[in-house]
């Protein structure tokens, strides 16, 4: 059965694919209340015979074809790269990662580090060059992701080292400009600041070979000093190792893998307790009758 969203304002649907809306799913025990609250009574009637997760997929398809906002790009990248080219067991996806004064739309850590800056047809090239320069200090590979129709518009704005991917209307990704891989340009401090305190300590203890026991105010400086002793290739390897661990634990893998296509990117982006994750999976799996 198909629940059509052709008569629904796609900008209104876009509000249903945000972190607050995704977390709100966990507060519903009854699927009928959830669909009615998020999409309206008419869509509740139209959705009979579908699972809740399928309704979200069909709402997202309306966005994909009528309102290609940033979340459409994030969904395609998450599914086609993490679940297509790689595996959620080995590739860690970070969404909206702060990097040296900018925020990388998506970053993937597997055997290396790759940043993706999304520019939809609603965006401008403003800050693209400065964003690219920030990411080049923390990632071996940096891509800008645009629509097929915007390739020429953005090519002149990106540094030579940055690659470009285009997202077709059907959702396929194509490399239109190759990326330049170069670990030597990475900066210790920028990589280090991407790490959480526990990750910084873990690396530093590995470098110095002993446990760090210092007052809180001194830990950062001590850990960074140890990190700075590493050559850039070794520093990058340990940084990637920690960033991978953050998103590839078994519980996260299971949770993301069970989410519908349209919600996988939000699953990575939204910090949730195990109880909320369980509630979300339970309600998404319910059949509407």
C-alpha atoms as a PDB file:
ATOM      1  CA  UNK A   1       0.000   0.000   0.000  1.00  0.00           C
ATOM      2  CA  UNK A   2       1.198   3.550  -0.699  1.00  0.00           C
ATOM      3  CA  UNK A   3       0.497   6.663   1.343  1.00  0.00           C
ATOM      4  CA  UNK A   4       0.933   9.560  -1.049  1.00  0.00           C
ATOM      5  CA  UNK A   5       2.224  12.906   0.174  1.00  0.00           C
ATOM      6  CA  UNK A   6       1.744  14.604  -3.208  1.00  0.00           C
ATOM      7  CA  UNK A   7      -0.801  16.996  -1.689  1.00  0.00           C
ATOM      8  CA  UNK A   8       1.403  17.892   1.281  1.00  0.00           C
ATOM      9  CA  UNK A   9       3.561  21.002   1.479  1.00  0.00           C
ATOM     10  CA  UNK A  10       7.126  19.609   1.340  1.00  0.00           C
ATOM     11  CA  UNK A  11       8.472  22.437   3.496  1.00  0.00           C
ATOM     12  CA  UNK A  12       6.135  21.253   6.257  1.00  0.00           C
ATOM     13  CA  UNK A  13       7.397  17.690   5.816  1.00  0.00           C
ATOM     14  CA  UNK A  14      10.969  18.918   6.147  1.00  0.00           C
ATOM     15  CA  UNK A  15      10.229  19.849   9.768  1.00  0.00           C
ATOM     16  CA  UNK A  16       9.562  16.156  10.487  1.00  0.00           C
ATOM     17  CA  UNK A  17      13.133  15.240   9.595  1.00  0.00           C
ATOM     18  CA  UNK A  18      14.951  17.125  12.344  1.00  0.00           C
ATOM     19  CA  UNK A  19      16.630  16.017  15.555  1.00  0.00           C
ATOM     20  CA  UNK A  20      13.805  17.246  17.842  1.00  0.00           C
ATOM     21  CA  UNK A  21      11.152  15.483  15.743  1.00  0.00           C
ATOM     22  CA  UNK A  22      13.205  12.292  15.619  1.00  0.00           C
ATOM     23  CA  UNK A  23      13.667  12.280  19.389  1.00  0.00           C
ATOM     24  CA  UNK A  24       9.951  12.994  19.825  1.00  0.00           C
ATOM     25  CA  UNK A  25       9.156   9.633  18.185  1.00  0.00           C
ATOM     26  CA  UNK A  26      10.430   7.959  21.361  1.00  0.00           C
ATOM     27  CA  UNK A  27       7.651   9.588  23.404  1.00  0.00           C
ATOM     28  CA  UNK A  28       4.862   7.832  21.462  1.00  0.00           C
ATOM     29  CA  UNK A  29       3.721   4.356  22.421  1.00  0.00           C
ATOM     30  CA  UNK A  30       0.837   4.326  19.933  1.00  0.00           C
ATOM     31  CA  UNK A  31       1.609   4.542  16.219  1.00  0.00           C
ATOM     32  CA  UNK A  32      -1.750   6.130  15.357  1.00  0.00           C
ATOM     33  CA  UNK A  33      -1.094   9.057  17.689  1.00  0.00           C
ATOM     34  CA  UNK A  34       2.375   9.504  16.210  1.00  0.00           C
ATOM     35  CA  UNK A  35       1.223   9.652  12.579  1.00  0.00           C
ATOM     36  CA  UNK A  36      -1.739  11.867  13.447  1.00  0.00           C
ATOM     37  CA  UNK A  37       0.496  14.281  15.375  1.00  0.00           C
ATOM     38  CA  UNK A  38       3.242  14.457  12.767  1.00  0.00           C
ATOM     39  CA  UNK A  39       1.368  14.154   9.475  1.00  0.00           C
ATOM     40  CA  UNK A  40      -2.324  14.747  10.253  1.00  0.00           C
ATOM     41  CA  UNK A  41      -5.496  12.668  10.489  1.00  0.00           C
ATOM     42  CA  UNK A  42      -5.859  12.301   6.725  1.00  0.00           C
ATOM     43  CA  UNK A  43      -2.426  10.699   6.433  1.00  0.00           C
ATOM     44  CA  UNK A  44      -3.314   8.383   9.298  1.00  0.00           C
ATOM     45  CA  UNK A  45      -6.266   7.110   7.243  1.00  0.00           C
ATOM     46  CA  UNK A  46      -4.147   6.880   4.062  1.00  0.00           C
ATOM     47  CA  UNK A  47      -1.428   4.922   5.870  1.00  0.00           C
ATOM     48  CA  UNK A  48      -3.488   1.898   6.903  1.00  0.00           C
ATOM     49  CA  UNK A  49      -1.623  -1.309   6.140  1.00  0.00           C
ATOM     50  CA  UNK A  50       1.797   0.356   6.349  1.00  0.00           C
ATOM     51  CA  UNK A  51       4.402   0.269   9.064  1.00  0.00           C
ATOM     52  CA  UNK A  52       5.229   3.621  10.635  1.00  0.00           C
ATOM     53  CA  UNK A  53       8.758   3.498   9.231  1.00  0.00           C
ATOM     54  CA  UNK A  54       7.339   3.102   5.720  1.00  0.00           C
ATOM     55  CA  UNK A  55       5.243   6.244   6.181  1.00  0.00           C
ATOM     56  CA  UNK A  56       8.386   8.212   7.035  1.00  0.00           C
ATOM     57  CA  UNK A  57      10.107   6.804   3.946  1.00  0.00           C
ATOM     58  CA  UNK A  58       7.243   7.931   1.734  1.00  0.00           C
ATOM     59  CA  UNK A  59       7.207  11.381   3.313  1.00  0.00           C
ATOM     60  CA  UNK A  60      10.951  11.608   2.682  1.00  0.00           C
ATOM     61  CA  UNK A  61      10.413  10.591  -0.964  1.00  0.00           C
ATOM     62  CA  UNK A  62       8.168  13.634  -1.325  1.00  0.00           C
ATOM     63  CA  UNK A  63      11.087  15.772  -0.127  1.00  0.00           C
ATOM     64  CA  UNK A  64      13.479  14.000  -2.473  1.00  0.00           C
ATOM     65  CA  UNK A  65      11.404  14.832  -5.526  1.00  0.00           C
ATOM     66  CA  UNK A  66       9.960  18.220  -4.570  1.00  0.00           C
ATOM     67  CA  UNK A  67      12.162  19.910  -1.963  1.00  0.00           C
ATOM     68  CA  UNK A  68      15.764  18.730  -2.019  1.00  0.00           C
ATOM     69  CA  UNK A  69      16.910  20.268   1.212  1.00  0.00           C
ATOM     70  CA  UNK A  70      20.096  19.424   3.095  1.00  0.00           C
ATOM     71  CA  UNK A  71      18.528  16.439   4.833  1.00  0.00           C
ATOM     72  CA  UNK A  72      17.802  14.762   1.493  1.00  0.00           C
ATOM     73  CA  UNK A  73      21.526  14.933   0.710  1.00  0.00           C
ATOM     74  CA  UNK A  74      22.472  13.652   4.164  1.00  0.00           C
ATOM     75  CA  UNK A  75      20.131  10.689   3.804  1.00  0.00           C
ATOM     76  CA  UNK A  76      21.547   9.702   0.428  1.00  0.00           C
ATOM     77  CA  UNK A  77      25.145  10.064   1.645  1.00  0.00           C
ATOM     78  CA  UNK A  78      24.480   8.001   4.762  1.00  0.00           C
ATOM     79  CA  UNK A  79      22.795   5.176   2.888  1.00  0.00           C
ATOM     80  CA  UNK A  80      24.899   5.113  -0.264  1.00  0.00           C
ATOM     81  CA  UNK A  81      28.303   5.514   1.377  1.00  0.00           C
ATOM     82  CA  UNK A  82      28.067   3.980   4.863  1.00  0.00           C
ATOM     83  CA  UNK A  83      25.604   1.220   3.927  1.00  0.00           C
ATOM     84  CA  UNK A  84      26.531   0.989   0.248  1.00  0.00           C
ATOM     85  CA  UNK A  85      30.263   1.363  -0.281  1.00  0.00           C
ATOM     86  CA  UNK A  86      31.315   0.615   3.285  1.00  0.00           C
ATOM     87  CA  UNK A  87      29.656  -0.944   6.337  1.00  0.00           C
ATOM     88  CA  UNK A  88      28.297   0.526   9.591  1.00  0.00           C
ATOM     89  CA  UNK A  89      30.558  -2.017  11.320  1.00  0.00           C
ATOM     90  CA  UNK A  90      33.688  -0.252  10.111  1.00  0.00           C
ATOM     91  CA  UNK A  91      32.666   3.219   8.888  1.00  0.00           C
ATOM     92  CA  UNK A  92      31.661   5.820  11.471  1.00  0.00           C
ATOM     93  CA  UNK A  93      29.388   8.635  10.335  1.00  0.00           C
ATOM     94  CA  UNK A  94      29.433  11.954  12.214  1.00  0.00           C
ATOM     95  CA  UNK A  95      26.763  14.521  11.363  1.00  0.00           C
ATOM     96  CA  UNK A  96      27.395  18.251  11.841  1.00  0.00           C
ATOM     97  CA  UNK A  97      30.859  17.889  13.321  1.00  0.00           C
ATOM     98  CA  UNK A  98      32.525  21.127  14.555  1.00  0.00           C
ATOM     99  CA  UNK A  99      35.904  21.598  12.869  1.00  0.00           C
ATOM    100  CA  UNK A 100      38.116  24.652  13.314  1.00  0.00           C
ATOM    101  CA  UNK A 101      35.354  27.256  13.371  1.00  0.00           C
ATOM    102  CA  UNK A 102      33.201  25.489  10.772  1.00  0.00           C
ATOM    103  CA  UNK A 103      30.747  22.594  10.951  1.00  0.00           C
ATOM    104  CA  UNK A 104      31.236  19.691   8.565  1.00  0.00           C
ATOM    105  CA  UNK A 105      27.823  18.512   7.365  1.00  0.00           C
ATOM    106  CA  UNK A 106      29.008  14.905   7.405  1.00  0.00           C
ATOM    107  CA  UNK A 107      32.287  13.182   8.216  1.00  0.00           C
ATOM    108  CA  UNK A 108      33.106   9.533   7.702  1.00  0.00           C
ATOM    109  CA  UNK A 109      35.936   7.723   9.426  1.00  0.00           C
ATOM    110  CA  UNK A 110      36.889   4.271   8.196  1.00  0.00           C
ATOM    111  CA  UNK A 111      40.454   3.537   7.131  1.00  0.00           C
ATOM    112  CA  UNK A 112      40.868   7.289   6.749  1.00  0.00           C
ATOM    113  CA  UNK A 113      38.950  10.539   7.299  1.00  0.00           C
ATOM    114  CA  UNK A 114      36.590  12.178   4.788  1.00  0.00           C
ATOM    115  CA  UNK A 115      34.509  15.354   5.135  1.00  0.00           C
ATOM    116  CA  UNK A 116      31.435  16.209   3.068  1.00  0.00           C
ATOM    117  CA  UNK A 117      30.180  19.779   2.755  1.00  0.00           C
ATOM    118  CA  UNK A 118      26.675  19.904   1.253  1.00  0.00           C
ATOM    119  CA  UNK A 119      25.528  22.778  -0.937  1.00  0.00           C
ATOM    120  CA  UNK A 120      21.918  22.443  -2.040  1.00  0.00           C
ATOM    121  CA  UNK A 121      20.258  24.552  -4.714  1.00  0.00           C
ATOM    122  CA  UNK A 122      18.976  26.757  -1.868  1.00  0.00           C
ATOM    123  CA  UNK A 123      22.528  27.567  -0.691  1.00  0.00           C
ATOM    124  CA  UNK A 124      25.191  29.999  -1.825  1.00  0.00           C
ATOM    125  CA  UNK A 125      28.962  29.710  -2.107  1.00  0.00           C
ATOM    126  CA  UNK A 126      29.362  32.062   0.849  1.00  0.00           C
ATOM    127  CA  UNK A 127      32.016  30.671   3.238  1.00  0.00           C
ATOM    128  CA  UNK A 128      32.688  27.635   1.042  1.00  0.00           C
ATOM    129  CA  UNK A 129      36.343  28.476   0.597  1.00  0.00           C
ATOM    130  CA  UNK A 130      36.915  29.093   4.318  1.00  0.00           C
ATOM    131  CA  UNK A 131      34.979  25.930   5.202  1.00  0.00           C
ATOM    132  CA  UNK A 132      37.089  23.906   2.780  1.00  0.00           C
ATOM    133  CA  UNK A 133      40.297  25.297   4.248  1.00  0.00           C
ATOM    134  CA  UNK A 134      39.154  24.311   7.750  1.00  0.00           C
ATOM    135  CA  UNK A 135      38.327  20.744   6.718  1.00  0.00           C
ATOM    136  CA  UNK A 136      41.637  20.296   4.902  1.00  0.00           C
ATOM    137  CA  UNK A 137      43.362  20.609   8.279  1.00  0.00           C
ATOM    138  CA  UNK A 138      41.458  17.675   9.811  1.00  0.00           C
ATOM    139  CA  UNK A 139      40.543  15.299   6.956  1.00  0.00           C
ATOM    140  CA  UNK A 140      42.617  13.389   4.445  1.00  0.00           C
ATOM    141  CA  UNK A 141      39.797  13.812   1.908  1.00  0.00           C
ATOM    142  CA  UNK A 142      37.325  16.658   1.507  1.00  0.00           C
ATOM    143  CA  UNK A 143      34.342  16.716  -0.854  1.00  0.00           C
ATOM    144  CA  UNK A 144      31.718  19.290  -1.710  1.00  0.00           C
ATOM    145  CA  UNK A 145      28.377  17.691  -2.614  1.00  0.00           C
ATOM    146  CA  UNK A 146      26.057  19.551  -5.021  1.00  0.00           C
ATOM    147  CA  UNK A 147      23.226  18.882  -7.448  1.00  0.00           C
ATOM    148  CA  UNK A 148      23.974  18.048 -11.087  1.00  0.00           C
ATOM    149  CA  UNK A 149      22.777  21.507 -12.109  1.00  0.00           C
ATOM    150  CA  UNK A 150      25.087  23.321  -9.659  1.00  0.00           C
ATOM    151  CA  UNK A 151      28.413  21.703 -10.563  1.00  0.00           C
ATOM    152  CA  UNK A 152      29.717  24.633 -12.636  1.00  0.00           C
ATOM    153  CA  UNK A 153      28.519  27.150 -10.063  1.00  0.00           C
ATOM    154  CA  UNK A 154      30.678  25.700  -7.296  1.00  0.00           C
ATOM    155  CA  UNK A 155      33.740  24.397  -9.128  1.00  0.00           C
ATOM    156  CA  UNK A 156      35.408  27.803  -9.173  1.00  0.00           C
ATOM    157  CA  UNK A 157      34.992  28.252  -5.422  1.00  0.00           C
ATOM    158  CA  UNK A 158      36.759  25.168  -4.113  1.00  0.00           C
ATOM    159  CA  UNK A 159      40.506  24.707  -3.595  1.00  0.00           C
ATOM    160  CA  UNK A 160      42.399  22.326  -5.876  1.00  0.00           C
ATOM    161  CA  UNK A 161      42.662  19.713  -3.108  1.00  0.00           C
ATOM    162  CA  UNK A 162      38.884  19.467  -2.626  1.00  0.00           C
ATOM    163  CA  UNK A 163      36.856  16.993  -4.661  1.00  0.00           C
ATOM    164  CA  UNK A 164      33.259  17.307  -5.804  1.00  0.00           C
ATOM    165  CA  UNK A 165      30.355  14.860  -5.886  1.00  0.00           C
ATOM    166  CA  UNK A 166      27.065  15.508  -7.634  1.00  0.00           C
ATOM    167  CA  UNK A 167      23.764  14.060  -6.472  1.00  0.00           C
ATOM    168  CA  UNK A 168      21.366  13.228  -9.285  1.00  0.00           C
ATOM    169  CA  UNK A 169      17.603  13.575  -9.034  1.00  0.00           C
ATOM    170  CA  UNK A 170      17.394   9.805  -8.711  1.00  0.00           C
ATOM    171  CA  UNK A 171      19.797   9.883  -5.775  1.00  0.00           C
ATOM    172  CA  UNK A 172      22.988   8.485  -7.307  1.00  0.00           C
ATOM    173  CA  UNK A 173      26.366  10.021  -6.491  1.00  0.00           C
ATOM    174  CA  UNK A 174      28.952  10.828  -9.148  1.00  0.00           C
ATOM    175  CA  UNK A 175      32.480  12.128  -8.681  1.00  0.00           C
ATOM    176  CA  UNK A 176      32.874  15.134 -10.976  1.00  0.00           C
ATOM    177  CA  UNK A 177      36.170  16.329  -9.543  1.00  0.00           C
ATOM    178  CA  UNK A 178      38.703  13.960  -7.966  1.00  0.00           C
ATOM    179  CA  UNK A 179      39.817  14.532  -4.411  1.00  0.00           C
ATOM    180  CA  UNK A 180      43.444  15.059  -3.412  1.00  0.00           C
ATOM    181  CA  UNK A 181      44.481  12.791  -0.531  1.00  0.00           C
ATOM    182  CA  UNK A 182      47.245  14.293   1.557  1.00  0.00           C
ATOM    183  CA  UNK A 183      47.791  13.521   5.230  1.00  0.00           C
ATOM    184  CA  UNK A 184      50.834  15.793   5.437  1.00  0.00           C
ATOM    185  CA  UNK A 185      48.702  18.968   5.355  1.00  0.00           C
ATOM    186  CA  UNK A 186      46.750  17.975   8.501  1.00  0.00           C
ATOM    187  CA  UNK A 187      47.192  19.988  11.692  1.00  0.00           C
ATOM    188  CA  UNK A 188      47.618  18.306  15.063  1.00  0.00           C
ATOM    189  CA  UNK A 189      45.590  20.897  16.975  1.00  0.00           C
ATOM    190  CA  UNK A 190      42.601  20.780  14.599  1.00  0.00           C
ATOM    191  CA  UNK A 191      42.407  16.977  14.707  1.00  0.00           C
ATOM    192  CA  UNK A 192      42.852  17.002  18.469  1.00  0.00           C
ATOM    193  CA  UNK A 193      39.989  19.449  19.015  1.00  0.00           C
ATOM    194  CA  UNK A 194      37.612  17.091  17.186  1.00  0.00           C
ATOM    195  CA  UNK A 195      38.169  14.534  19.935  1.00  0.00           C
ATOM    196  CA  UNK A 196      36.299  14.249  23.212  1.00  0.00           C
ATOM    197  CA  UNK A 197      38.202  14.477  26.495  1.00  0.00           C
ATOM    198  CA  UNK A 198      38.140  10.717  27.057  1.00  0.00           C
ATOM    199  CA  UNK A 199      39.452  10.146  23.525  1.00  0.00           C
ATOM    200  CA  UNK A 200      42.224  12.687  23.993  1.00  0.00           C
ATOM    201  CA  UNK A 201      43.279  10.980  27.220  1.00  0.00           C
ATOM    202  CA  UNK A 202      43.196   7.536  25.610  1.00  0.00           C
ATOM    203  CA  UNK A 203      45.562   8.630  22.845  1.00  0.00           C
ATOM    204  CA  UNK A 204      47.896  10.489  25.210  1.00  0.00           C
ATOM    205  CA  UNK A 205      48.187   7.506  27.550  1.00  0.00           C
ATOM    206  CA  UNK A 206      49.002   5.303  24.596  1.00  0.00           C
ATOM    207  CA  UNK A 207      51.730   7.727  23.498  1.00  0.00           C
ATOM    208  CA  UNK A 208      53.418   8.172  26.885  1.00  0.00           C
ATOM    209  CA  UNK A 209      52.797   4.620  28.056  1.00  0.00           C
ATOM    210  CA  UNK A 210      51.315   5.497  31.435  1.00  0.00           C
ATOM    211  CA  UNK A 211      48.068   6.634  33.023  1.00  0.00           C
ATOM    212  CA  UNK A 212      47.450  10.389  33.177  1.00  0.00           C
ATOM    213  CA  UNK A 213      46.506  11.539  36.670  1.00  0.00           C
ATOM    214  CA  UNK A 214      46.333  15.326  36.712  1.00  0.00           C
ATOM    215  CA  UNK A 215      43.877  18.021  37.835  1.00  0.00           C
ATOM    216  CA  UNK A 216      41.182  18.702  35.243  1.00  0.00           C
ATOM    217  CA  UNK A 217      42.673  22.061  34.358  1.00  0.00           C
ATOM    218  CA  UNK A 218      45.944  20.474  33.264  1.00  0.00           C
ATOM    219  CA  UNK A 219      44.694  17.439  31.371  1.00  0.00           C
ATOM    220  CA  UNK A 220      44.083  19.120  28.010  1.00  0.00           C
ATOM    221  CA  UNK A 221      47.527  20.649  27.813  1.00  0.00           C
ATOM    222  CA  UNK A 222      49.225  17.407  28.847  1.00  0.00           C
ATOM    223  CA  UNK A 223      47.278  15.338  26.339  1.00  0.00           C
ATOM    224  CA  UNK A 224      47.888  17.758  23.488  1.00  0.00           C
ATOM    225  CA  UNK A 225      51.597  17.852  24.284  1.00  0.00           C
ATOM    226  CA  UNK A 226      51.696  14.053  23.968  1.00  0.00           C
ATOM    227  CA  UNK A 227      49.648  14.127  20.752  1.00  0.00           C
ATOM    228  CA  UNK A 228      52.013  16.716  19.278  1.00  0.00           C
ATOM    229  CA  UNK A 229      54.961  14.359  19.738  1.00  0.00           C
ATOM    230  CA  UNK A 230      53.526  12.097  17.036  1.00  0.00           C
ATOM    231  CA  UNK A 231      54.325  12.502  13.370  1.00  0.00           C
ATOM    232  CA  UNK A 232      51.249  13.626  11.460  1.00  0.00           C
ATOM    233  CA  UNK A 233      50.568  10.191   9.936  1.00  0.00           C
ATOM    234  CA  UNK A 234      50.565   8.502  13.353  1.00  0.00           C
ATOM    235  CA  UNK A 235      48.476  11.293  14.876  1.00  0.00           C
ATOM    236  CA  UNK A 236      45.918  10.938  12.078  1.00  0.00           C
ATOM    237  CA  UNK A 237      45.763   7.163  12.483  1.00  0.00           C
ATOM    238  CA  UNK A 238      45.037   7.393  16.230  1.00  0.00           C
ATOM    239  CA  UNK A 239      42.544  10.217  15.709  1.00  0.00           C
ATOM    240  CA  UNK A 240      40.666   8.168  13.094  1.00  0.00           C
ATOM    241  CA  UNK A 241      40.699   5.155  15.408  1.00  0.00           C
ATOM    242  CA  UNK A 242      38.984   7.106  18.186  1.00  0.00           C
ATOM    243  CA  UNK A 243      36.436   8.767  15.899  1.00  0.00           C
ATOM    244  CA  UNK A 244      35.522   5.364  14.467  1.00  0.00           C
ATOM    245  CA  UNK A 245      34.971   3.851  17.901  1.00  0.00           C
ATOM    246  CA  UNK A 246      32.500   6.571  18.797  1.00  0.00           C
ATOM    247  CA  UNK A 247      29.954   5.466  16.170  1.00  0.00           C
ATOM    248  CA  UNK A 248      30.691   1.794  15.451  1.00  0.00           C
ATOM    249  CA  UNK A 249      29.846   0.139  18.768  1.00  0.00           C
ATOM    250  CA  UNK A 250      27.493  -2.822  18.511  1.00  0.00           C
ATOM    251  CA  UNK A 251      24.473  -1.049  20.036  1.00  0.00           C
ATOM    252  CA  UNK A 252      24.756   1.880  17.633  1.00  0.00           C
ATOM    253  CA  UNK A 253      25.230  -0.433  14.652  1.00  0.00           C
ATOM    254  CA  UNK A 254      22.105  -2.398  15.558  1.00  0.00           C
ATOM    255  CA  UNK A 255      20.029   0.728  16.123  1.00  0.00           C
ATOM    256  CA  UNK A 256      21.026   2.445  12.867  1.00  0.00           C
ATOM    257  CA  UNK A 257      20.677  -0.744  10.817  1.00  0.00           C
ATOM    258  CA  UNK A 258      17.071  -1.205  11.962  1.00  0.00           C
ATOM    259  CA  UNK A 259      15.998   2.343  11.110  1.00  0.00           C
ATOM    260  CA  UNK A 260      14.197   2.974   7.800  1.00  0.00           C
ATOM    261  CA  UNK A 261      16.138   4.518   4.906  1.00  0.00           C
ATOM    262  CA  UNK A 262      14.765   7.990   5.610  1.00  0.00           C
ATOM    263  CA  UNK A 263      15.851   8.107   9.256  1.00  0.00           C
ATOM    264  CA  UNK A 264      19.348   6.616   9.265  1.00  0.00           C
ATOM    265  CA  UNK A 265      21.096  10.008   9.057  1.00  0.00           C
ATOM    266  CA  UNK A 266      19.035  11.269  11.991  1.00  0.00           C
ATOM    267  CA  UNK A 267      19.909   8.118  13.902  1.00  0.00           C
ATOM    268  CA  UNK A 268      23.573   9.048  13.630  1.00  0.00           C
ATOM    269  CA  UNK A 269      22.941  12.723  14.353  1.00  0.00           C
ATOM    270  CA  UNK A 270      20.781  12.427  17.478  1.00  0.00           C
ATOM    271  CA  UNK A 271      22.231  11.432  20.879  1.00  0.00           C
ATOM    272  CA  UNK A 272      19.700   9.133  22.556  1.00  0.00           C
ATOM    273  CA  UNK A 273      19.502   6.884  25.592  1.00  0.00           C
ATOM    274  CA  UNK A 274      19.100   3.148  25.057  1.00  0.00           C
ATOM    275  CA  UNK A 275      15.516   3.412  26.305  1.00  0.00           C
ATOM    276  CA  UNK A 276      14.661   6.067  23.713  1.00  0.00           C
ATOM    277  CA  UNK A 277      16.325   4.067  20.958  1.00  0.00           C
ATOM    278  CA  UNK A 278      14.269   1.019  21.891  1.00  0.00           C
ATOM    279  CA  UNK A 279      11.045   3.041  21.980  1.00  0.00           C
ATOM    280  CA  UNK A 280      11.760   4.527  18.549  1.00  0.00           C
ATOM    281  CA  UNK A 281      12.398   1.134  16.958  1.00  0.00           C
ATOM    282  CA  UNK A 282       9.275  -0.314  18.537  1.00  0.00           C
ATOM    283  CA  UNK A 283       6.933   2.402  17.295  1.00  0.00           C
ATOM    284  CA  UNK A 284       8.499   2.544  13.800  1.00  0.00           C
ATOM    285  CA  UNK A 285       7.855  -1.181  13.433  1.00  0.00           C
ATOM    286  CA  UNK A 286       4.143  -0.918  14.309  1.00  0.00           C
ATOM    287  CA  UNK A 287       1.554  -1.561  11.602  1.00  0.00           C
ATOM    288  CA  UNK A 288      -1.175   1.006  11.113  1.00  0.00           C
ATOM    289  CA  UNK A 289      -4.623  -0.581  11.133  1.00  0.00           C
END
